[in-house]
């Protein structure tokens, strides 16, 4: 019998191209940046690396292109001690890429071209059935085909987390109902429930209630430096705010990947400390995310245990 797996991630792997500039450009504007770097990203791989660095035994199911980017990424995943048995390089396909702009204040905007990630399918769930049977926690996102993600969520019998990002205005109801935990930020939550924005704790709590009414079981809405709010179907009016550690603004370097650091840490803590309350897991995840914003890059900013 194989050793139990803590965290299984079914999702994306993308190469980041990051430009640092004094501020984010306006539409149609060209800015001079002061720094450029490449990095390893994609929500799926990011979240897997975040969990692995905290000490979880992890595995990733993903697709890469049969190009130098894909080969480099495969080597990087192995260096992070991630099980890559079900990470495939696909001939004729390009590895996914993300174009990221980061301002001096740490804000960012991102454009992704998912490439080989589009080929992740239900067949990959079937071929990795042993991993699905072993894992304690499954993590999914929305950078890969929805039907494949739905198949993964239906197959899994443990605790599942869906990070519904990038958000969809018309989210299929099964994506709300199937995961144990739905986790989104305030912008994603607003898009899913059809409101213009969420700018306060009260508005976030109202969004929690709405998402549960739509079919979600447990919902976490991350609120950046404020922390996160959560509620569950068992008592949808019992909102809980978990404050994040305070990070002085002059120490915030780059917020890229902070949400993925949160999800990876949440999965790690759920797998390793199942007796703890959800609020304790959220606090631990907020702490990891707060550390990540103090360093540049995405995976390069994720802390080790």
C-alpha atoms as a PDB file:
ATOM      1  CA  UNK A   1       0.000   0.000   0.000  1.00  0.00           C
ATOM      2  CA  UNK A   2       1.400   3.389  -1.009  1.00  0.00           C
ATOM      3  CA  UNK A   3       2.068   6.091   1.561  1.00  0.00           C
ATOM      4  CA  UNK A   4      -0.974   8.395   1.986  1.00  0.00           C
ATOM      5  CA  UNK A   5      -0.928  11.590  -0.054  1.00  0.00           C
ATOM      6  CA  UNK A   6      -1.673  14.857   1.738  1.00  0.00           C
ATOM      7  CA  UNK A   7      -2.615  17.160  -1.131  1.00  0.00           C
ATOM      8  CA  UNK A   8      -3.573  16.341  -4.722  1.00  0.00           C
ATOM      9  CA  UNK A   9      -3.839  19.290  -7.103  1.00  0.00           C
ATOM     10  CA  UNK A  10      -5.731  19.031 -10.390  1.00  0.00           C
ATOM     11  CA  UNK A  11      -4.977  22.142 -12.381  1.00  0.00           C
ATOM     12  CA  UNK A  12      -2.788  24.476 -14.327  1.00  0.00           C
ATOM     13  CA  UNK A  13       0.931  25.033 -14.830  1.00  0.00           C
ATOM     14  CA  UNK A  14       1.978  28.292 -16.489  1.00  0.00           C
ATOM     15  CA  UNK A  15       5.229  30.180 -17.050  1.00  0.00           C
ATOM     16  CA  UNK A  16       5.121  33.761 -15.714  1.00  0.00           C
ATOM     17  CA  UNK A  17       6.654  36.709 -17.573  1.00  0.00           C
ATOM     18  CA  UNK A  18       6.753  39.504 -15.000  1.00  0.00           C
ATOM     19  CA  UNK A  19       7.378  43.214 -15.657  1.00  0.00           C
ATOM     20  CA  UNK A  20       7.885  45.603 -12.739  1.00  0.00           C
ATOM     21  CA  UNK A  21       6.932  49.268 -13.271  1.00  0.00           C
ATOM     22  CA  UNK A  22       6.199  52.350 -11.111  1.00  0.00           C
ATOM     23  CA  UNK A  23       2.471  51.829 -11.657  1.00  0.00           C
ATOM     24  CA  UNK A  24       0.110  49.744 -13.782  1.00  0.00           C
ATOM     25  CA  UNK A  25      -0.427  51.106 -17.322  1.00  0.00           C
ATOM     26  CA  UNK A  26      -3.665  52.744 -18.381  1.00  0.00           C
ATOM     27  CA  UNK A  27      -5.462  51.402 -21.496  1.00  0.00           C
ATOM     28  CA  UNK A  28      -3.375  52.192 -24.567  1.00  0.00           C
ATOM     29  CA  UNK A  29      -0.427  53.429 -22.527  1.00  0.00           C
ATOM     30  CA  UNK A  30       3.200  52.265 -22.750  1.00  0.00           C
ATOM     31  CA  UNK A  31       5.317  52.507 -19.606  1.00  0.00           C
ATOM     32  CA  UNK A  32       9.001  52.050 -18.911  1.00  0.00           C
ATOM     33  CA  UNK A  33       9.539  49.214 -16.468  1.00  0.00           C
ATOM     34  CA  UNK A  34      12.628  48.761 -14.337  1.00  0.00           C
ATOM     35  CA  UNK A  35      12.827  44.966 -14.008  1.00  0.00           C
ATOM     36  CA  UNK A  36      11.823  41.792 -15.859  1.00  0.00           C
ATOM     37  CA  UNK A  37      11.906  38.199 -14.700  1.00  0.00           C
ATOM     38  CA  UNK A  38      10.415  34.842 -15.588  1.00  0.00           C
ATOM     39  CA  UNK A  39       8.972  32.465 -13.045  1.00  0.00           C
ATOM     40  CA  UNK A  40       6.949  29.301 -12.606  1.00  0.00           C
ATOM     41  CA  UNK A  41       3.221  29.887 -12.108  1.00  0.00           C
ATOM     42  CA  UNK A  42      -0.292  28.731 -12.893  1.00  0.00           C
ATOM     43  CA  UNK A  43      -2.751  28.413 -10.044  1.00  0.00           C
ATOM     44  CA  UNK A  44      -2.593  24.636  -9.852  1.00  0.00           C
ATOM     45  CA  UNK A  45       1.173  24.342  -9.721  1.00  0.00           C
ATOM     46  CA  UNK A  46       1.446  27.387  -7.445  1.00  0.00           C
ATOM     47  CA  UNK A  47      -0.922  25.886  -4.903  1.00  0.00           C
ATOM     48  CA  UNK A  48       0.844  22.537  -5.079  1.00  0.00           C
ATOM     49  CA  UNK A  49       4.251  24.146  -4.490  1.00  0.00           C
ATOM     50  CA  UNK A  50       2.873  26.197  -1.579  1.00  0.00           C
ATOM     51  CA  UNK A  51       1.610  23.026   0.122  1.00  0.00           C
ATOM     52  CA  UNK A  52       4.801  21.080  -0.636  1.00  0.00           C
ATOM     53  CA  UNK A  53       7.029  23.779   0.846  1.00  0.00           C
ATOM     54  CA  UNK A  54       5.042  23.603   4.076  1.00  0.00           C
ATOM     55  CA  UNK A  55       5.746  19.884   4.339  1.00  0.00           C
ATOM     56  CA  UNK A  56       2.798  18.188   2.650  1.00  0.00           C
ATOM     57  CA  UNK A  57       3.286  15.155   0.456  1.00  0.00           C
ATOM     58  CA  UNK A  58       1.847  16.423  -2.835  1.00  0.00           C
ATOM     59  CA  UNK A  59       1.013  15.365  -6.378  1.00  0.00           C
ATOM     60  CA  UNK A  60       0.048  17.431  -9.411  1.00  0.00           C
ATOM     61  CA  UNK A  61      -2.096  16.450 -12.387  1.00  0.00           C
ATOM     62  CA  UNK A  62      -1.366  18.921 -15.202  1.00  0.00           C
ATOM     63  CA  UNK A  63      -0.380  19.420 -18.843  1.00  0.00           C
ATOM     64  CA  UNK A  64       2.721  21.146 -20.208  1.00  0.00           C
ATOM     65  CA  UNK A  65       3.888  21.790 -23.753  1.00  0.00           C
ATOM     66  CA  UNK A  66       6.611  19.751 -25.409  1.00  0.00           C
ATOM     67  CA  UNK A  67       8.883  22.793 -25.389  1.00  0.00           C
ATOM     68  CA  UNK A  68      11.792  24.109 -23.342  1.00  0.00           C
ATOM     69  CA  UNK A  69       9.394  25.879 -20.959  1.00  0.00           C
ATOM     70  CA  UNK A  70       7.655  22.569 -20.246  1.00  0.00           C
ATOM     71  CA  UNK A  71      10.913  20.715 -19.696  1.00  0.00           C
ATOM     72  CA  UNK A  72      12.167  23.399 -17.327  1.00  0.00           C
ATOM     73  CA  UNK A  73       8.875  23.327 -15.450  1.00  0.00           C
ATOM     74  CA  UNK A  74       8.979  19.553 -15.045  1.00  0.00           C
ATOM     75  CA  UNK A  75      12.469  19.806 -13.572  1.00  0.00           C
ATOM     76  CA  UNK A  76      11.323  22.543 -11.208  1.00  0.00           C
ATOM     77  CA  UNK A  77       8.381  20.478  -9.937  1.00  0.00           C
ATOM     78  CA  UNK A  78      10.704  17.566  -9.235  1.00  0.00           C
ATOM     79  CA  UNK A  79      13.032  19.927  -7.361  1.00  0.00           C
ATOM     80  CA  UNK A  80      10.041  20.891  -5.172  1.00  0.00           C
ATOM     81  CA  UNK A  81       9.566  17.168  -4.343  1.00  0.00           C
ATOM     82  CA  UNK A  82       6.168  17.013  -6.057  1.00  0.00           C
ATOM     83  CA  UNK A  83       4.878  13.756  -7.550  1.00  0.00           C
ATOM     84  CA  UNK A  84       4.826  14.459 -11.319  1.00  0.00           C
ATOM     85  CA  UNK A  85       3.770  11.001 -12.494  1.00  0.00           C
ATOM     86  CA  UNK A  86       0.633  12.592 -13.998  1.00  0.00           C
ATOM     87  CA  UNK A  87       2.180  15.790 -15.360  1.00  0.00           C
ATOM     88  CA  UNK A  88       2.452  15.322 -19.138  1.00  0.00           C
ATOM     89  CA  UNK A  89       4.318  17.212 -21.859  1.00  0.00           C
ATOM     90  CA  UNK A  90       2.082  17.219 -24.940  1.00  0.00           C
ATOM     91  CA  UNK A  91       3.689  17.177 -28.430  1.00  0.00           C
ATOM     92  CA  UNK A  92       2.544  20.054 -30.645  1.00  0.00           C
ATOM     93  CA  UNK A  93       1.323  22.116 -27.696  1.00  0.00           C
ATOM     94  CA  UNK A  94       2.862  25.136 -25.996  1.00  0.00           C
ATOM     95  CA  UNK A  95       3.250  25.492 -22.255  1.00  0.00           C
ATOM     96  CA  UNK A  96       0.807  28.019 -20.802  1.00  0.00           C
ATOM     97  CA  UNK A  97       2.110  31.538 -20.235  1.00  0.00           C
ATOM     98  CA  UNK A  98       1.075  34.545 -18.127  1.00  0.00           C
ATOM     99  CA  UNK A  99       1.962  38.176 -18.792  1.00  0.00           C
ATOM    100  CA  UNK A 100       2.102  39.958 -15.432  1.00  0.00           C
ATOM    101  CA  UNK A 101       2.580  43.654 -14.653  1.00  0.00           C
ATOM    102  CA  UNK A 102       3.473  44.617 -11.069  1.00  0.00           C
ATOM    103  CA  UNK A 103       3.389  48.177  -9.706  1.00  0.00           C
ATOM    104  CA  UNK A 104       5.715  49.684  -7.104  1.00  0.00           C
ATOM    105  CA  UNK A 105       2.889  49.322  -4.585  1.00  0.00           C
ATOM    106  CA  UNK A 106       2.623  45.583  -5.212  1.00  0.00           C
ATOM    107  CA  UNK A 107      -0.601  45.627  -7.263  1.00  0.00           C
ATOM    108  CA  UNK A 108      -0.744  43.507 -10.401  1.00  0.00           C
ATOM    109  CA  UNK A 109      -2.718  42.631 -13.500  1.00  0.00           C
ATOM    110  CA  UNK A 110      -2.389  39.389 -15.426  1.00  0.00           C
ATOM    111  CA  UNK A 111      -3.192  37.985 -18.886  1.00  0.00           C
ATOM    112  CA  UNK A 112      -2.939  34.220 -19.332  1.00  0.00           C
ATOM    113  CA  UNK A 113      -2.731  32.029 -22.451  1.00  0.00           C
ATOM    114  CA  UNK A 114      -3.305  28.528 -21.111  1.00  0.00           C
ATOM    115  CA  UNK A 115      -1.896  26.459 -24.021  1.00  0.00           C
ATOM    116  CA  UNK A 116      -1.523  22.776 -23.099  1.00  0.00           C
ATOM    117  CA  UNK A 117      -3.598  23.298 -19.954  1.00  0.00           C
ATOM    118  CA  UNK A 118      -6.691  23.192 -22.194  1.00  0.00           C
ATOM    119  CA  UNK A 119      -6.109  19.469 -22.773  1.00  0.00           C
ATOM    120  CA  UNK A 120      -6.636  18.392 -19.163  1.00  0.00           C
ATOM    121  CA  UNK A 121      -9.621  16.040 -19.294  1.00  0.00           C
ATOM    122  CA  UNK A 122     -11.750  13.462 -17.518  1.00  0.00           C
ATOM    123  CA  UNK A 123      -9.378  10.799 -18.850  1.00  0.00           C
ATOM    124  CA  UNK A 124      -6.673  12.288 -16.625  1.00  0.00           C
ATOM    125  CA  UNK A 125      -8.923  11.741 -13.616  1.00  0.00           C
ATOM    126  CA  UNK A 126      -9.401   8.092 -14.545  1.00  0.00           C
ATOM    127  CA  UNK A 127      -5.703   7.466 -15.157  1.00  0.00           C
ATOM    128  CA  UNK A 128      -4.837   8.984 -11.757  1.00  0.00           C
ATOM    129  CA  UNK A 129      -7.489   7.047  -9.834  1.00  0.00           C
ATOM    130  CA  UNK A 130      -4.905   5.727  -7.364  1.00  0.00           C
ATOM    131  CA  UNK A 131      -3.942   9.280  -6.377  1.00  0.00           C
ATOM    132  CA  UNK A 132      -7.604  10.216  -5.950  1.00  0.00           C
ATOM    133  CA  UNK A 133      -8.052   7.225  -3.644  1.00  0.00           C
ATOM    134  CA  UNK A 134      -4.996   8.109  -1.525  1.00  0.00           C
ATOM    135  CA  UNK A 135      -5.195  11.876  -1.119  1.00  0.00           C
ATOM    136  CA  UNK A 136      -6.601  13.622   1.940  1.00  0.00           C
ATOM    137  CA  UNK A 137      -7.317  16.937   0.195  1.00  0.00           C
ATOM    138  CA  UNK A 138      -8.049  17.752  -3.462  1.00  0.00           C
ATOM    139  CA  UNK A 139      -7.505  21.255  -4.840  1.00  0.00           C
ATOM    140  CA  UNK A 140      -8.991  22.510  -8.130  1.00  0.00           C
ATOM    141  CA  UNK A 141      -9.203  25.873  -9.925  1.00  0.00           C
ATOM    142  CA  UNK A 142     -10.738  27.241 -13.155  1.00  0.00           C
ATOM    143  CA  UNK A 143      -7.691  27.705 -15.413  1.00  0.00           C
ATOM    144  CA  UNK A 144      -8.342  24.282 -16.966  1.00  0.00           C
ATOM    145  CA  UNK A 145     -11.464  22.825 -18.681  1.00  0.00           C
ATOM    146  CA  UNK A 146     -14.522  22.886 -16.440  1.00  0.00           C
ATOM    147  CA  UNK A 147     -15.768  19.418 -17.397  1.00  0.00           C
ATOM    148  CA  UNK A 148     -12.463  17.907 -16.271  1.00  0.00           C
ATOM    149  CA  UNK A 149     -12.639  19.821 -12.986  1.00  0.00           C
ATOM    150  CA  UNK A 150     -16.205  18.636 -12.395  1.00  0.00           C
ATOM    151  CA  UNK A 151     -15.086  15.055 -13.031  1.00  0.00           C
ATOM    152  CA  UNK A 152     -12.256  15.433 -10.511  1.00  0.00           C
ATOM    153  CA  UNK A 153     -14.608  16.837  -7.868  1.00  0.00           C
ATOM    154  CA  UNK A 154     -17.138  14.039  -8.443  1.00  0.00           C
ATOM    155  CA  UNK A 155     -14.448  11.357  -8.193  1.00  0.00           C
ATOM    156  CA  UNK A 156     -12.901  12.562  -4.946  1.00  0.00           C
ATOM    157  CA  UNK A 157     -14.178  11.356  -1.561  1.00  0.00           C
ATOM    158  CA  UNK A 158     -12.071  13.460   0.833  1.00  0.00           C
ATOM    159  CA  UNK A 159     -11.999  17.196   1.515  1.00  0.00           C
ATOM    160  CA  UNK A 160     -12.076  19.165  -1.735  1.00  0.00           C
ATOM    161  CA  UNK A 161     -11.298  22.837  -2.280  1.00  0.00           C
ATOM    162  CA  UNK A 162     -12.381  24.731  -5.388  1.00  0.00           C
ATOM    163  CA  UNK A 163     -10.602  28.022  -5.913  1.00  0.00           C
ATOM    164  CA  UNK A 164     -13.117  29.477  -8.386  1.00  0.00           C
ATOM    165  CA  UNK A 165     -10.593  31.610 -10.236  1.00  0.00           C
ATOM    166  CA  UNK A 166     -10.612  33.025 -12.806  1.00  0.00           C
ATOM    167  CA  UNK A 167     -14.238  33.626 -11.817  1.00  0.00           C
ATOM    168  CA  UNK A 168     -17.209  32.972 -14.098  1.00  0.00           C
ATOM    169  CA  UNK A 169     -20.355  35.093 -14.091  1.00  0.00           C
ATOM    170  CA  UNK A 170     -22.472  32.017 -14.829  1.00  0.00           C
ATOM    171  CA  UNK A 171     -20.797  29.419 -12.623  1.00  0.00           C
ATOM    172  CA  UNK A 172     -22.269  25.925 -13.181  1.00  0.00           C
ATOM    173  CA  UNK A 173     -24.232  24.968 -10.083  1.00  0.00           C
ATOM    174  CA  UNK A 174     -22.273  21.733  -9.627  1.00  0.00           C
ATOM    175  CA  UNK A 175     -19.083  23.764  -9.185  1.00  0.00           C
ATOM    176  CA  UNK A 176     -20.775  25.288  -6.154  1.00  0.00           C
ATOM    177  CA  UNK A 177     -22.306  22.092  -4.787  1.00  0.00           C
ATOM    178  CA  UNK A 178     -19.521  19.539  -5.282  1.00  0.00           C
ATOM    179  CA  UNK A 179     -16.514  20.981  -3.391  1.00  0.00           C
ATOM    180  CA  UNK A 180     -16.322  20.778   0.389  1.00  0.00           C
ATOM    181  CA  UNK A 181     -14.981  24.346   0.396  1.00  0.00           C
ATOM    182  CA  UNK A 182     -15.473  27.103  -2.172  1.00  0.00           C
ATOM    183  CA  UNK A 183     -12.739  29.747  -1.869  1.00  0.00           C
ATOM    184  CA  UNK A 184     -12.788  33.040  -3.782  1.00  0.00           C
ATOM    185  CA  UNK A 185     -11.574  36.591  -3.294  1.00  0.00           C
ATOM    186  CA  UNK A 186     -13.927  39.554  -3.072  1.00  0.00           C
ATOM    187  CA  UNK A 187     -13.729  40.350  -6.800  1.00  0.00           C
ATOM    188  CA  UNK A 188     -14.484  36.767  -7.800  1.00  0.00           C
ATOM    189  CA  UNK A 189     -17.333  36.509  -5.290  1.00  0.00           C
ATOM    190  CA  UNK A 190     -18.904  39.709  -6.655  1.00  0.00           C
ATOM    191  CA  UNK A 191     -18.799  38.397 -10.237  1.00  0.00           C
ATOM    192  CA  UNK A 192     -20.295  35.025  -9.281  1.00  0.00           C
ATOM    193  CA  UNK A 193     -23.251  36.496  -7.373  1.00  0.00           C
ATOM    194  CA  UNK A 194     -23.779  39.350  -9.833  1.00  0.00           C
ATOM    195  CA  UNK A 195     -22.987  42.457  -7.783  1.00  0.00           C
ATOM    196  CA  UNK A 196     -20.764  45.354  -8.817  1.00  0.00           C
ATOM    197  CA  UNK A 197     -18.265  45.018  -5.978  1.00  0.00           C
ATOM    198  CA  UNK A 198     -17.687  43.884  -2.410  1.00  0.00           C
ATOM    199  CA  UNK A 199     -16.050  46.623  -0.370  1.00  0.00           C
ATOM    200  CA  UNK A 200     -16.909  45.881   3.257  1.00  0.00           C
ATOM    201  CA  UNK A 201     -17.123  43.039   5.747  1.00  0.00           C
ATOM    202  CA  UNK A 202     -20.927  43.327   5.755  1.00  0.00           C
ATOM    203  CA  UNK A 203     -21.020  43.032   1.961  1.00  0.00           C
ATOM    204  CA  UNK A 204     -18.679  40.022   2.139  1.00  0.00           C
ATOM    205  CA  UNK A 205     -20.961  38.379   4.698  1.00  0.00           C
ATOM    206  CA  UNK A 206     -23.945  38.983   2.424  1.00  0.00           C
ATOM    207  CA  UNK A 207     -21.991  37.330  -0.393  1.00  0.00           C
ATOM    208  CA  UNK A 208     -21.285  34.309   1.833  1.00  0.00           C
ATOM    209  CA  UNK A 209     -25.007  33.900   2.460  1.00  0.00           C
ATOM    210  CA  UNK A 210     -25.792  34.235  -1.247  1.00  0.00           C
ATOM    211  CA  UNK A 211     -23.187  31.651  -2.296  1.00  0.00           C
ATOM    212  CA  UNK A 212     -24.503  29.168   0.276  1.00  0.00           C
ATOM    213  CA  UNK A 213     -28.055  29.763  -0.956  1.00  0.00           C
ATOM    214  CA  UNK A 214     -26.794  29.015  -4.477  1.00  0.00           C
ATOM    215  CA  UNK A 215     -25.601  25.603  -3.251  1.00  0.00           C
ATOM    216  CA  UNK A 216     -22.110  25.969  -1.766  1.00  0.00           C
ATOM    217  CA  UNK A 217     -21.300  23.920   1.340  1.00  0.00           C
ATOM    218  CA  UNK A 218     -18.618  26.012   3.053  1.00  0.00           C
ATOM    219  CA  UNK A 219     -17.426  29.332   1.629  1.00  0.00           C
ATOM    220  CA  UNK A 220     -14.263  31.335   2.291  1.00  0.00           C
ATOM    221  CA  UNK A 221     -13.942  34.836   0.828  1.00  0.00           C
ATOM    222  CA  UNK A 222     -10.432  36.247   1.078  1.00  0.00           C
ATOM    223  CA  UNK A 223     -10.216  40.002   1.621  1.00  0.00           C
ATOM    224  CA  UNK A 224      -6.526  40.763   1.138  1.00  0.00           C
ATOM    225  CA  UNK A 225      -4.961  42.568   4.076  1.00  0.00           C
ATOM    226  CA  UNK A 226      -8.224  42.310   6.047  1.00  0.00           C
ATOM    227  CA  UNK A 227      -8.023  38.510   6.179  1.00  0.00           C
ATOM    228  CA  UNK A 228     -10.980  36.307   5.241  1.00  0.00           C
ATOM    229  CA  UNK A 229     -14.607  35.636   6.114  1.00  0.00           C
ATOM    230  CA  UNK A 230     -16.224  32.201   6.157  1.00  0.00           C
ATOM    231  CA  UNK A 231     -19.567  30.491   6.723  1.00  0.00           C
ATOM    232  CA  UNK A 232     -21.077  27.036   6.198  1.00  0.00           C
ATOM    233  CA  UNK A 233     -24.382  25.596   5.060  1.00  0.00           C
ATOM    234  CA  UNK A 234     -25.006  24.170   8.553  1.00  0.00           C
ATOM    235  CA  UNK A 235     -25.344  27.736   9.908  1.00  0.00           C
ATOM    236  CA  UNK A 236     -25.187  30.242   7.024  1.00  0.00           C
ATOM    237  CA  UNK A 237     -25.740  33.254   9.295  1.00  0.00           C
ATOM    238  CA  UNK A 238     -22.754  32.393  11.536  1.00  0.00           C
ATOM    239  CA  UNK A 239     -20.247  34.560   9.711  1.00  0.00           C
ATOM    240  CA  UNK A 240     -16.696  34.535  10.993  1.00  0.00           C
ATOM    241  CA  UNK A 241     -13.956  37.058  10.217  1.00  0.00           C
ATOM    242  CA  UNK A 242     -10.380  35.795  10.497  1.00  0.00           C
ATOM    243  CA  UNK A 243      -8.037  38.826  10.481  1.00  0.00           C
ATOM    244  CA  UNK A 244      -4.751  38.591   8.603  1.00  0.00           C
ATOM    245  CA  UNK A 245      -1.418  39.490  10.206  1.00  0.00           C
ATOM    246  CA  UNK A 246      -0.605  43.165   9.650  1.00  0.00           C
ATOM    247  CA  UNK A 247       2.051  43.805   7.007  1.00  0.00           C
ATOM    248  CA  UNK A 248       3.248  47.448   6.843  1.00  0.00           C
ATOM    249  CA  UNK A 249       2.672  48.922   3.379  1.00  0.00           C
ATOM    250  CA  UNK A 250       6.372  49.628   2.909  1.00  0.00           C
ATOM    251  CA  UNK A 251       7.076  45.895   3.238  1.00  0.00           C
ATOM    252  CA  UNK A 252       4.581  44.870   0.521  1.00  0.00           C
ATOM    253  CA  UNK A 253       6.676  44.026  -2.535  1.00  0.00           C
ATOM    254  CA  UNK A 254       4.463  41.878  -4.788  1.00  0.00           C
ATOM    255  CA  UNK A 255       0.965  40.494  -4.226  1.00  0.00           C
ATOM    256  CA  UNK A 256       1.194  38.109  -7.205  1.00  0.00           C
ATOM    257  CA  UNK A 257       0.475  34.572  -6.036  1.00  0.00           C
ATOM    258  CA  UNK A 258      -0.665  35.518  -2.525  1.00  0.00           C
ATOM    259  CA  UNK A 259      -4.050  33.901  -3.150  1.00  0.00           C
ATOM    260  CA  UNK A 260      -2.353  30.702  -4.302  1.00  0.00           C
ATOM    261  CA  UNK A 261      -0.115  30.732  -1.222  1.00  0.00           C
ATOM    262  CA  UNK A 262      -3.312  30.959   0.840  1.00  0.00           C
ATOM    263  CA  UNK A 263      -4.967  28.001  -0.926  1.00  0.00           C
ATOM    264  CA  UNK A 264      -1.876  25.808  -0.724  1.00  0.00           C
ATOM    265  CA  UNK A 265      -1.463  26.559   2.975  1.00  0.00           C
ATOM    266  CA  UNK A 266      -5.162  25.934   3.592  1.00  0.00           C
ATOM    267  CA  UNK A 267      -4.932  22.526   1.896  1.00  0.00           C
ATOM    268  CA  UNK A 268      -1.762  21.653   3.817  1.00  0.00           C
ATOM    269  CA  UNK A 269      -3.324  22.507   7.164  1.00  0.00           C
ATOM    270  CA  UNK A 270      -6.572  20.674   6.413  1.00  0.00           C
ATOM    271  CA  UNK A 271      -4.571  17.558   5.504  1.00  0.00           C
ATOM    272  CA  UNK A 272      -2.101  17.660   8.379  1.00  0.00           C
ATOM    273  CA  UNK A 273      -4.260  19.014  11.223  1.00  0.00           C
ATOM    274  CA  UNK A 274      -7.802  17.710  10.604  1.00  0.00           C
ATOM    275  CA  UNK A 275      -8.894  18.167  14.239  1.00  0.00           C
ATOM    276  CA  UNK A 276      -8.448  21.942  14.167  1.00  0.00           C
ATOM    277  CA  UNK A 277     -11.266  24.409  13.491  1.00  0.00           C
ATOM    278  CA  UNK A 278     -11.624  25.962  10.047  1.00  0.00           C
ATOM    279  CA  UNK A 279     -10.800  29.393  11.480  1.00  0.00           C
ATOM    280  CA  UNK A 280      -7.407  28.082  12.646  1.00  0.00           C
ATOM    281  CA  UNK A 281      -6.677  26.763   9.146  1.00  0.00           C
ATOM    282  CA  UNK A 282      -7.667  30.127   7.643  1.00  0.00           C
ATOM    283  CA  UNK A 283      -5.435  32.027  10.065  1.00  0.00           C
ATOM    284  CA  UNK A 284      -2.490  29.783   9.188  1.00  0.00           C
ATOM    285  CA  UNK A 285      -3.185  30.345   5.481  1.00  0.00           C
ATOM    286  CA  UNK A 286      -3.430  34.136   5.957  1.00  0.00           C
ATOM    287  CA  UNK A 287      -0.073  34.048   7.733  1.00  0.00           C
ATOM    288  CA  UNK A 288       1.573  32.252   4.794  1.00  0.00           C
ATOM    289  CA  UNK A 289      -0.017  34.675   2.300  1.00  0.00           C
ATOM    290  CA  UNK A 290       1.178  37.663   4.341  1.00  0.00           C
ATOM    291  CA  UNK A 291       4.735  36.339   4.144  1.00  0.00           C
ATOM    292  CA  UNK A 292       4.506  35.835   0.372  1.00  0.00           C
ATOM    293  CA  UNK A 293       3.627  39.480  -0.379  1.00  0.00           C
ATOM    294  CA  UNK A 294       6.901  40.582   1.179  1.00  0.00           C
ATOM    295  CA  UNK A 295       8.982  38.917  -1.547  1.00  0.00           C
ATOM    296  CA  UNK A 296       8.975  39.297  -5.359  1.00  0.00           C
ATOM    297  CA  UNK A 297       7.641  36.702  -7.753  1.00  0.00           C
ATOM    298  CA  UNK A 298       5.068  33.965  -7.414  1.00  0.00           C
ATOM    299  CA  UNK A 299       6.389  30.560  -6.330  1.00  0.00           C
ATOM    300  CA  UNK A 300       9.694  32.214  -5.420  1.00  0.00           C
ATOM    301  CA  UNK A 301       7.844  34.133  -2.676  1.00  0.00           C
ATOM    302  CA  UNK A 302       6.277  31.088  -1.016  1.00  0.00           C
ATOM    303  CA  UNK A 303       7.719  30.319   2.433  1.00  0.00           C
ATOM    304  CA  UNK A 304       9.128  27.014   3.607  1.00  0.00           C
ATOM    305  CA  UNK A 305       7.952  25.371   6.827  1.00  0.00           C
END
